[in-house]
Amino acid sequence: MKLKKKISILVLLILSVLALSSINVFSWNSHFFYTELAIKNNDWINDFPEIEITPYTYKDIDQDEYNPEFIIKYVEGEIGGKTEASDILINYSDEPDWDLDTNLDLNKIQALTGGSQGYRHMYFSVFAGLLKAGDAPKRANHFFEMSKIAFGNGDNYWGFRFARS
């Protein structure tokens, strides 16, 4: 009986690995889907009071370089309207992919990552860390810090919008 149980567990494990490895994860165009899955059962987010949509007023604080042609969009309503914290996180989870980081000259090797957007959104470390490329950890930290500033200013809209990165 013990042998049958071990064989059954092994077969289930192998089938699970095969099934899970065949699932395609479209990380480049499904940020909103995975964000929604991650927060849908989060009471803290779902019970957060309505948030007023506020204009972007962080240009003096945020000195990072962005695509000069990038236009800030408000997809869930107009400035002064109301929205939910979960909607901000879901709707803007892929905002960095809306050409925010394109058309920039950041690094000589950015062509290896498909341009400035790829360079900012990826990070590679090869040869035991001797060669590193990409700014993803730095960008995540940047927007984390911007989120803290916005929340500190009482601006929940931009606090959550910066946090989506």
N, C-alpha and C. Protein backbone atom coordinates (compact mmCIF):
# COMPACT_ATOMS: atom_id res chain seq x y z
N MET A 1 0.81 -1.20 0.00
CA MET A 1 0.00 0.00 0.00
C MET A 1 0.86 1.26 0.00
N LYS A 2 1.94 1.23 0.72
CA LYS A 2 2.81 2.39 0.76
C LYS A 2 3.41 2.68 -0.60
N LEU A 3 3.77 1.64 -1.34
CA LEU A 3 4.35 1.83 -2.67
C LEU A 3 3.33 2.46 -3.61
N LYS A 4 2.06 2.02 -3.54
CA LYS A 4 1.01 2.60 -4.39
C LYS A 4 0.84 4.09 -4.09
N LYS A 5 0.88 4.43 -2.82
CA LYS A 5 0.71 5.83 -2.42
C LYS A 5 1.87 6.67 -2.93
N LYS A 6 3.08 6.16 -2.83
CA LYS A 6 4.26 6.89 -3.31
C LYS A 6 4.20 7.07 -4.82
N ILE A 7 3.78 6.03 -5.53
CA ILE A 7 3.67 6.12 -6.99
C ILE A 7 2.59 7.13 -7.37
N SER A 8 1.46 7.11 -6.66
CA SER A 8 0.38 8.06 -6.93
C SER A 8 0.84 9.49 -6.73
N ILE A 9 1.56 9.73 -5.65
CA ILE A 9 2.07 11.07 -5.37
C ILE A 9 3.05 11.50 -6.45
N LEU A 10 3.93 10.60 -6.86
CA LEU A 10 4.90 10.91 -7.91
C LEU A 10 4.20 11.23 -9.23
N VAL A 11 3.20 10.45 -9.58
CA VAL A 11 2.45 10.69 -10.82
C VAL A 11 1.74 12.04 -10.75
N LEU A 12 1.11 12.35 -9.62
CA LEU A 12 0.44 13.64 -9.46
C LEU A 12 1.44 14.79 -9.55
N LEU A 13 2.59 14.62 -8.96
CA LEU A 13 3.63 15.65 -9.02
C LEU A 13 4.09 15.88 -10.46
N ILE A 14 4.34 14.82 -11.18
CA ILE A 14 4.79 14.93 -12.58
C ILE A 14 3.70 15.58 -13.43
N LEU A 15 2.45 15.16 -13.25
CA LEU A 15 1.35 15.75 -14.02
C LEU A 15 1.17 17.23 -13.68
N SER A 16 1.33 17.58 -12.41
CA SER A 16 1.22 18.98 -12.01
C SER A 16 2.30 19.83 -12.65
N VAL A 17 3.53 19.34 -12.64
CA VAL A 17 4.63 20.07 -13.26
C VAL A 17 4.39 20.25 -14.75
N LEU A 18 3.95 19.19 -15.41
CA LEU A 18 3.67 19.28 -16.85
C LEU A 18 2.54 20.26 -17.14
N ALA A 19 1.49 20.20 -16.35
CA ALA A 19 0.35 21.10 -16.57
C ALA A 19 0.74 22.55 -16.32
N LEU A 20 1.44 22.80 -15.24
CA LEU A 20 1.81 24.18 -14.92
C LEU A 20 2.86 24.74 -15.87
N SER A 21 3.74 23.89 -16.37
CA SER A 21 4.77 24.40 -17.27
C SER A 21 4.22 24.69 -18.66
N SER A 22 3.03 24.19 -18.96
CA SER A 22 2.45 24.46 -20.28
C SER A 22 1.56 25.69 -20.28
N ILE A 23 1.33 26.30 -19.12
CA ILE A 23 0.50 27.49 -19.04
C ILE A 23 1.31 28.70 -19.47
N ASN A 24 0.79 29.45 -20.40
CA ASN A 24 1.47 30.67 -20.84
C ASN A 24 1.08 31.83 -19.93
N VAL A 25 2.06 32.54 -19.45
CA VAL A 25 1.82 33.73 -18.65
C VAL A 25 2.21 34.92 -19.50
N PHE A 26 1.26 35.75 -19.84
CA PHE A 26 1.49 36.89 -20.70
C PHE A 26 1.79 38.12 -19.84
N SER A 27 2.96 38.15 -19.27
CA SER A 27 3.30 39.21 -18.31
C SER A 27 3.38 40.58 -18.96
N TRP A 28 3.59 40.64 -20.25
CA TRP A 28 3.74 41.95 -20.88
C TRP A 28 2.42 42.64 -21.14
N ASN A 29 1.32 41.90 -21.17
CA ASN A 29 0.06 42.57 -21.48
C ASN A 29 -1.07 42.19 -20.53
N SER A 30 -0.75 41.65 -19.38
CA SER A 30 -1.80 41.24 -18.45
C SER A 30 -1.55 41.69 -17.02
N HIS A 31 -0.84 42.79 -16.85
CA HIS A 31 -0.56 43.27 -15.50
C HIS A 31 -1.86 43.45 -14.71
N PHE A 32 -2.86 44.04 -15.36
CA PHE A 32 -4.13 44.32 -14.68
C PHE A 32 -4.78 43.05 -14.16
N PHE A 33 -4.69 41.98 -14.94
CA PHE A 33 -5.31 40.70 -14.56
C PHE A 33 -4.65 40.14 -13.30
N TYR A 34 -3.34 40.13 -13.28
CA TYR A 34 -2.62 39.57 -12.13
C TYR A 34 -2.72 40.49 -10.92
N THR A 35 -2.79 41.79 -11.15
CA THR A 35 -2.99 42.71 -10.03
C THR A 35 -4.36 42.47 -9.40
N GLU A 36 -5.37 42.33 -10.24
CA GLU A 36 -6.72 42.08 -9.72
C GLU A 36 -6.76 40.77 -8.93
N LEU A 37 -6.13 39.73 -9.45
CA LEU A 37 -6.09 38.46 -8.71
C LEU A 37 -5.39 38.62 -7.37
N ALA A 38 -4.33 39.41 -7.35
CA ALA A 38 -3.54 39.57 -6.13
C ALA A 38 -4.28 40.36 -5.05
N ILE A 39 -5.13 41.30 -5.45
CA ILE A 39 -5.75 42.18 -4.44
C ILE A 39 -7.23 41.92 -4.22
N LYS A 40 -7.85 41.06 -5.01
CA LYS A 40 -9.31 40.94 -4.94
C LYS A 40 -9.82 40.49 -3.56
N ASN A 41 -9.04 39.76 -2.81
CA ASN A 41 -9.46 39.32 -1.48
C ASN A 41 -8.78 40.09 -0.36
N ASN A 42 -8.23 41.25 -0.69
CA ASN A 42 -7.53 42.07 0.30
C ASN A 42 -8.51 43.06 0.90
N ASP A 43 -8.95 42.78 2.12
CA ASP A 43 -9.96 43.64 2.76
C ASP A 43 -9.46 45.07 2.93
N TRP A 44 -8.19 45.23 3.25
CA TRP A 44 -7.66 46.57 3.48
C TRP A 44 -7.82 47.44 2.24
N ILE A 45 -7.51 46.89 1.07
CA ILE A 45 -7.65 47.63 -0.19
C ILE A 45 -9.13 47.83 -0.53
N ASN A 46 -9.90 46.77 -0.43
CA ASN A 46 -11.31 46.83 -0.83
C ASN A 46 -12.16 47.69 0.09
N ASP A 47 -11.75 47.83 1.35
CA ASP A 47 -12.51 48.65 2.29
C ASP A 47 -11.99 50.08 2.38
N PHE A 48 -10.98 50.41 1.59
CA PHE A 48 -10.42 51.76 1.62
C PHE A 48 -11.48 52.74 1.12
N PRO A 49 -11.65 53.88 1.79
CA PRO A 49 -12.67 54.85 1.35
C PRO A 49 -12.41 55.36 -0.08
N GLU A 50 -13.45 55.88 -0.70
CA GLU A 50 -13.30 56.45 -2.05
C GLU A 50 -12.19 57.50 -2.05
N ILE A 51 -11.52 57.59 -3.17
CA ILE A 51 -10.37 58.48 -3.30
C ILE A 51 -10.66 59.50 -4.39
N GLU A 52 -10.34 60.76 -4.10
CA GLU A 52 -10.50 61.81 -5.10
C GLU A 52 -9.36 61.73 -6.11
N ILE A 53 -9.70 61.81 -7.39
CA ILE A 53 -8.70 61.83 -8.46
C ILE A 53 -8.06 63.21 -8.47
N THR A 54 -6.75 63.24 -8.29
CA THR A 54 -6.04 64.51 -8.19
C THR A 54 -5.06 64.68 -9.35
N PRO A 55 -4.73 65.91 -9.69
CA PRO A 55 -3.77 66.14 -10.78
C PRO A 55 -2.35 65.77 -10.34
N TYR A 56 -1.52 65.50 -11.32
CA TYR A 56 -0.11 65.21 -11.06
C TYR A 56 0.59 66.52 -10.70
N THR A 57 1.11 66.58 -9.48
CA THR A 57 1.78 67.80 -9.00
C THR A 57 3.18 67.49 -8.49
N TYR A 58 3.82 66.48 -9.05
CA TYR A 58 5.10 66.00 -8.51
C TYR A 58 6.28 66.27 -9.44
N LYS A 59 6.09 67.11 -10.44
CA LYS A 59 7.16 67.37 -11.41
C LYS A 59 8.41 67.94 -10.74
N ASP A 60 8.23 68.80 -9.74
CA ASP A 60 9.38 69.39 -9.05
C ASP A 60 10.11 68.37 -8.18
N ILE A 61 9.38 67.39 -7.66
CA ILE A 61 9.97 66.37 -6.80
C ILE A 61 10.57 65.25 -7.63
N ASP A 62 9.85 64.81 -8.65
CA ASP A 62 10.26 63.69 -9.49
C ASP A 62 11.16 64.20 -10.61
N GLN A 63 12.44 64.15 -10.39
CA GLN A 63 13.40 64.68 -11.35
C GLN A 63 13.87 63.64 -12.37
N ASP A 64 13.28 62.44 -12.36
CA ASP A 64 13.67 61.42 -13.33
C ASP A 64 13.28 61.83 -14.74
N GLU A 65 13.99 61.26 -15.68
CA GLU A 65 13.74 61.55 -17.10
C GLU A 65 12.68 60.60 -17.63
N TYR A 66 11.70 61.16 -18.33
CA TYR A 66 10.64 60.37 -18.95
C TYR A 66 10.51 60.76 -20.42
N ASN A 67 9.81 59.94 -21.18
CA ASN A 67 9.53 60.23 -22.57
C ASN A 67 8.88 61.62 -22.64
N PRO A 68 9.49 62.56 -23.35
CA PRO A 68 8.93 63.91 -23.41
C PRO A 68 7.55 63.96 -24.06
N GLU A 69 7.19 62.93 -24.81
CA GLU A 69 5.89 62.89 -25.47
C GLU A 69 4.82 62.20 -24.63
N PHE A 70 5.21 61.68 -23.47
CA PHE A 70 4.26 60.96 -22.62
C PHE A 70 3.23 61.93 -22.03
N ILE A 71 1.97 61.55 -22.13
CA ILE A 71 0.88 62.35 -21.59
C ILE A 71 0.20 61.53 -20.49
N ILE A 72 0.07 62.12 -19.32
CA ILE A 72 -0.58 61.43 -18.20
C ILE A 72 -2.06 61.26 -18.52
N LYS A 73 -2.53 60.02 -18.40
CA LYS A 73 -3.93 59.70 -18.68
C LYS A 73 -4.66 59.42 -17.37
N TYR A 74 -5.93 59.72 -17.35
CA TYR A 74 -6.80 59.42 -16.21
C TYR A 74 -7.91 58.52 -16.74
N VAL A 75 -7.71 57.20 -16.64
CA VAL A 75 -8.63 56.27 -17.29
C VAL A 75 -9.89 55.97 -16.49
N GLU A 76 -9.88 56.24 -15.18
CA GLU A 76 -11.04 55.88 -14.37
C GLU A 76 -11.95 57.06 -14.07
N GLY A 77 -11.65 58.21 -14.62
CA GLY A 77 -12.49 59.38 -14.39
C GLY A 77 -11.71 60.66 -14.58
N GLU A 78 -12.37 61.76 -14.31
CA GLU A 78 -11.72 63.06 -14.46
C GLU A 78 -11.20 63.55 -13.13
N ILE A 79 -10.26 64.49 -13.19
CA ILE A 79 -9.73 65.10 -11.98
C ILE A 79 -10.89 65.69 -11.18
N GLY A 80 -10.91 65.39 -9.89
CA GLY A 80 -12.01 65.82 -9.02
C GLY A 80 -13.05 64.74 -8.81
N GLY A 81 -13.05 63.73 -9.69
CA GLY A 81 -13.98 62.62 -9.53
C GLY A 81 -13.52 61.68 -8.43
N LYS A 82 -14.26 60.61 -8.24
CA LYS A 82 -13.94 59.63 -7.19
C LYS A 82 -13.62 58.28 -7.82
N THR A 83 -12.76 57.53 -7.14
CA THR A 83 -12.39 56.19 -7.60
C THR A 83 -12.05 55.34 -6.38
N GLU A 84 -11.78 54.09 -6.63
CA GLU A 84 -11.43 53.14 -5.57
C GLU A 84 -9.93 52.83 -5.63
N ALA A 85 -9.35 52.51 -4.48
CA ALA A 85 -7.92 52.16 -4.42
C ALA A 85 -7.63 50.97 -5.33
N SER A 86 -8.50 49.97 -5.31
CA SER A 86 -8.28 48.78 -6.14
C SER A 86 -8.31 49.14 -7.63
N ASP A 87 -9.19 50.06 -8.02
CA ASP A 87 -9.26 50.47 -9.43
C ASP A 87 -7.98 51.17 -9.86
N ILE A 88 -7.42 51.98 -8.98
CA ILE A 88 -6.16 52.67 -9.32
C ILE A 88 -5.06 51.64 -9.54
N LEU A 89 -4.92 50.70 -8.61
CA LEU A 89 -3.87 49.69 -8.73
C LEU A 89 -4.05 48.84 -9.98
N ILE A 90 -5.29 48.46 -10.26
CA ILE A 90 -5.55 47.61 -11.43
C ILE A 90 -5.39 48.39 -12.73
N ASN A 91 -6.03 49.55 -12.83
CA ASN A 91 -6.02 50.32 -14.08
C ASN A 91 -4.64 50.81 -14.48
N TYR A 92 -3.80 51.09 -13.51
CA TYR A 92 -2.49 51.67 -13.82
C TYR A 92 -1.33 50.70 -13.61
N SER A 93 -1.63 49.43 -13.39
CA SER A 93 -0.56 48.47 -13.15
C SER A 93 0.40 48.35 -14.33
N ASP A 94 -0.08 48.64 -15.52
CA ASP A 94 0.80 48.58 -16.69
C ASP A 94 1.13 49.97 -17.24
N GLU A 95 0.91 51.00 -16.45
CA GLU A 95 1.19 52.37 -16.91
C GLU A 95 2.63 52.56 -17.39
N PRO A 96 3.63 51.97 -16.73
CA PRO A 96 4.99 52.14 -17.26
C PRO A 96 5.15 51.63 -18.69
N ASP A 97 4.26 50.75 -19.13
CA ASP A 97 4.32 50.23 -20.50
C ASP A 97 3.57 51.11 -21.50
N TRP A 98 3.03 52.23 -21.05
CA TRP A 98 2.31 53.15 -21.94
C TRP A 98 3.25 54.17 -22.56
N ASP A 99 4.47 53.80 -22.83
CA ASP A 99 5.51 54.65 -23.44
C ASP A 99 6.11 55.67 -22.49
N LEU A 100 5.92 55.48 -21.21
CA LEU A 100 6.51 56.37 -20.21
C LEU A 100 8.04 56.40 -20.33
N ASP A 101 8.63 55.26 -20.63
CA ASP A 101 10.09 55.14 -20.64
C ASP A 101 10.68 54.94 -22.03
N THR A 102 9.94 55.24 -23.07
CA THR A 102 10.48 55.11 -24.43
C THR A 102 11.16 56.41 -24.85
N ASN A 103 11.91 56.35 -25.93
CA ASN A 103 12.56 57.52 -26.53
C ASN A 103 13.54 58.22 -25.59
N LEU A 104 14.27 57.43 -24.81
CA LEU A 104 15.25 57.99 -23.88
C LEU A 104 16.63 57.41 -24.17
N ASP A 105 17.65 58.18 -23.90
CA ASP A 105 19.03 57.71 -24.04
C ASP A 105 19.58 57.52 -22.63
N LEU A 106 19.45 56.29 -22.11
CA LEU A 106 19.80 56.02 -20.72
C LEU A 106 21.17 55.37 -20.55
N ASN A 107 21.48 54.43 -21.48
CA ASN A 107 22.68 53.63 -21.31
C ASN A 107 23.12 53.10 -22.67
N LYS A 108 24.42 52.93 -22.83
CA LYS A 108 24.94 52.46 -24.12
C LYS A 108 24.45 51.06 -24.48
N ILE A 109 24.14 50.25 -23.49
CA ILE A 109 23.72 48.88 -23.80
C ILE A 109 22.20 48.69 -23.78
N GLN A 110 21.43 49.77 -23.74
CA GLN A 110 19.97 49.64 -23.70
C GLN A 110 19.42 48.97 -24.96
N ALA A 111 20.15 49.01 -26.06
CA ALA A 111 19.70 48.34 -27.28
C ALA A 111 19.56 46.83 -27.07
N LEU A 112 20.36 46.28 -26.16
CA LEU A 112 20.29 44.84 -25.87
C LEU A 112 18.99 44.46 -25.17
N THR A 113 18.31 45.43 -24.60
CA THR A 113 17.04 45.17 -23.91
C THR A 113 15.85 45.71 -24.70
N GLY A 114 16.07 46.07 -25.94
CA GLY A 114 14.99 46.56 -26.78
C GLY A 114 14.75 48.05 -26.68
N GLY A 115 15.67 48.77 -26.08
CA GLY A 115 15.54 50.22 -25.96
C GLY A 115 15.41 50.66 -24.52
N SER A 116 15.10 51.93 -24.34
CA SER A 116 15.07 52.49 -22.99
C SER A 116 13.96 51.90 -22.12
N GLN A 117 12.82 51.57 -22.72
CA GLN A 117 11.75 50.97 -21.93
C GLN A 117 12.18 49.61 -21.39
N GLY A 118 12.75 48.79 -22.24
CA GLY A 118 13.25 47.49 -21.78
C GLY A 118 14.33 47.63 -20.73
N TYR A 119 15.21 48.59 -20.92
CA TYR A 119 16.30 48.80 -19.96
C TYR A 119 15.75 49.18 -18.58
N ARG A 120 14.72 50.00 -18.56
CA ARG A 120 14.14 50.40 -17.27
C ARG A 120 13.26 49.32 -16.65
N HIS A 121 12.73 48.43 -17.46
CA HIS A 121 11.77 47.45 -16.95
C HIS A 121 12.38 46.08 -16.71
N MET A 122 13.66 45.90 -17.02
CA MET A 122 14.31 44.60 -16.84
C MET A 122 15.60 44.77 -16.04
N TYR A 123 16.10 43.62 -15.57
CA TYR A 123 17.38 43.62 -14.87
C TYR A 123 18.04 42.27 -15.10
N PHE A 124 19.28 42.30 -15.52
CA PHE A 124 20.05 41.08 -15.75
C PHE A 124 21.36 41.17 -14.99
N SER A 125 21.75 40.05 -14.43
CA SER A 125 23.04 39.95 -13.77
C SER A 125 23.67 38.64 -14.22
N VAL A 126 24.81 38.74 -14.91
CA VAL A 126 25.48 37.55 -15.43
C VAL A 126 26.93 37.53 -14.96
N PHE A 127 27.54 36.38 -15.14
CA PHE A 127 28.94 36.18 -14.75
C PHE A 127 29.14 36.54 -13.28
N ALA A 128 28.30 35.95 -12.43
CA ALA A 128 28.38 36.15 -10.98
C ALA A 128 28.30 37.63 -10.61
N GLY A 129 27.50 38.38 -11.34
CA GLY A 129 27.31 39.79 -11.03
C GLY A 129 28.33 40.73 -11.62
N LEU A 130 29.25 40.22 -12.42
CA LEU A 130 30.26 41.09 -13.04
C LEU A 130 29.64 42.00 -14.09
N LEU A 131 28.62 41.51 -14.76
CA LEU A 131 27.93 42.33 -15.77
C LEU A 131 26.47 42.46 -15.36
N LYS A 132 26.05 43.70 -15.16
CA LYS A 132 24.67 43.97 -14.77
C LYS A 132 24.07 44.95 -15.77
N ALA A 133 22.82 44.72 -16.11
CA ALA A 133 22.14 45.62 -17.05
C ALA A 133 20.69 45.76 -16.64
N GLY A 134 20.19 46.97 -16.72
CA GLY A 134 18.79 47.23 -16.43
C GLY A 134 18.60 48.01 -15.15
N ASP A 135 17.46 48.68 -15.09
CA ASP A 135 17.15 49.56 -13.96
C ASP A 135 15.92 49.13 -13.16
N ALA A 136 15.38 47.94 -13.40
CA ALA A 136 14.11 47.57 -12.76
C ALA A 136 14.11 47.72 -11.24
N PRO A 137 15.11 47.24 -10.51
CA PRO A 137 15.07 47.43 -9.05
C PRO A 137 15.11 48.91 -8.66
N LYS A 138 15.90 49.68 -9.38
CA LYS A 138 16.00 51.11 -9.11
C LYS A 138 14.66 51.81 -9.38
N ARG A 139 13.99 51.42 -10.46
CA ARG A 139 12.70 52.02 -10.81
C ARG A 139 11.63 51.66 -9.78
N ALA A 140 11.63 50.41 -9.33
CA ALA A 140 10.66 50.00 -8.31
C ALA A 140 10.87 50.82 -7.04
N ASN A 141 12.12 51.00 -6.64
CA ASN A 141 12.41 51.79 -5.45
C ASN A 141 12.02 53.25 -5.65
N HIS A 142 12.27 53.78 -6.85
CA HIS A 142 11.91 55.17 -7.13
C HIS A 142 10.41 55.40 -6.92
N PHE A 143 9.59 54.53 -7.51
CA PHE A 143 8.15 54.72 -7.39
C PHE A 143 7.64 54.39 -5.98
N PHE A 144 8.33 53.51 -5.27
CA PHE A 144 8.00 53.26 -3.86
C PHE A 144 8.21 54.55 -3.06
N GLU A 145 9.34 55.21 -3.30
CA GLU A 145 9.62 56.47 -2.60
C GLU A 145 8.63 57.57 -3.00
N MET A 146 8.28 57.64 -4.28
CA MET A 146 7.29 58.62 -4.73
C MET A 146 5.93 58.35 -4.07
N SER A 147 5.59 57.08 -3.93
CA SER A 147 4.34 56.70 -3.27
C SER A 147 4.33 57.16 -1.82
N LYS A 148 5.44 56.97 -1.13
CA LYS A 148 5.52 57.41 0.27
C LYS A 148 5.37 58.93 0.37
N ILE A 149 5.96 59.65 -0.56
CA ILE A 149 5.82 61.12 -0.57
C ILE A 149 4.36 61.51 -0.77
N ALA A 150 3.71 60.89 -1.74
CA ALA A 150 2.30 61.22 -2.02
C ALA A 150 1.41 60.90 -0.82
N PHE A 151 1.57 59.71 -0.25
CA PHE A 151 0.77 59.37 0.93
C PHE A 151 1.07 60.34 2.07
N GLY A 152 2.34 60.71 2.22
CA GLY A 152 2.72 61.67 3.26
C GLY A 152 2.07 63.03 3.07
N ASN A 153 1.79 63.37 1.82
CA ASN A 153 1.12 64.64 1.50
C ASN A 153 -0.40 64.52 1.59
N GLY A 154 -0.89 63.33 1.94
CA GLY A 154 -2.34 63.12 2.01
C GLY A 154 -2.97 62.90 0.65
N ASP A 155 -2.16 62.63 -0.37
CA ASP A 155 -2.63 62.43 -1.73
C ASP A 155 -2.74 60.92 -1.99
N ASN A 156 -3.85 60.33 -1.56
CA ASN A 156 -4.03 58.88 -1.70
C ASN A 156 -4.07 58.44 -3.16
N TYR A 157 -4.61 59.29 -4.03
CA TYR A 157 -4.70 58.92 -5.44
C TYR A 157 -3.31 58.63 -6.00
N TRP A 158 -2.39 59.59 -5.88
CA TRP A 158 -1.05 59.38 -6.42
C TRP A 158 -0.24 58.42 -5.56
N GLY A 159 -0.57 58.32 -4.28
CA GLY A 159 0.09 57.31 -3.45
C GLY A 159 -0.13 55.92 -4.01
N PHE A 160 -1.39 55.61 -4.35
CA PHE A 160 -1.68 54.30 -4.94
C PHE A 160 -1.19 54.22 -6.38
N ARG A 161 -1.29 55.30 -7.11
CA ARG A 161 -0.88 55.25 -8.52
C ARG A 161 0.62 55.03 -8.64
N PHE A 162 1.42 55.68 -7.80
CA PHE A 162 2.86 55.41 -7.80
C PHE A 162 3.14 53.99 -7.31
N ALA A 163 2.35 53.50 -6.36
CA ALA A 163 2.59 52.18 -5.78
C ALA A 163 2.35 51.05 -6.78
N ARG A 164 1.59 51.29 -7.81
CA ARG A 164 1.28 50.25 -8.80
C ARG A 164 2.51 49.73 -9.51
N SER A 165 3.60 50.46 -9.44
CA SER A 165 4.82 50.00 -10.12
C SER A 165 5.48 48.95 -9.31
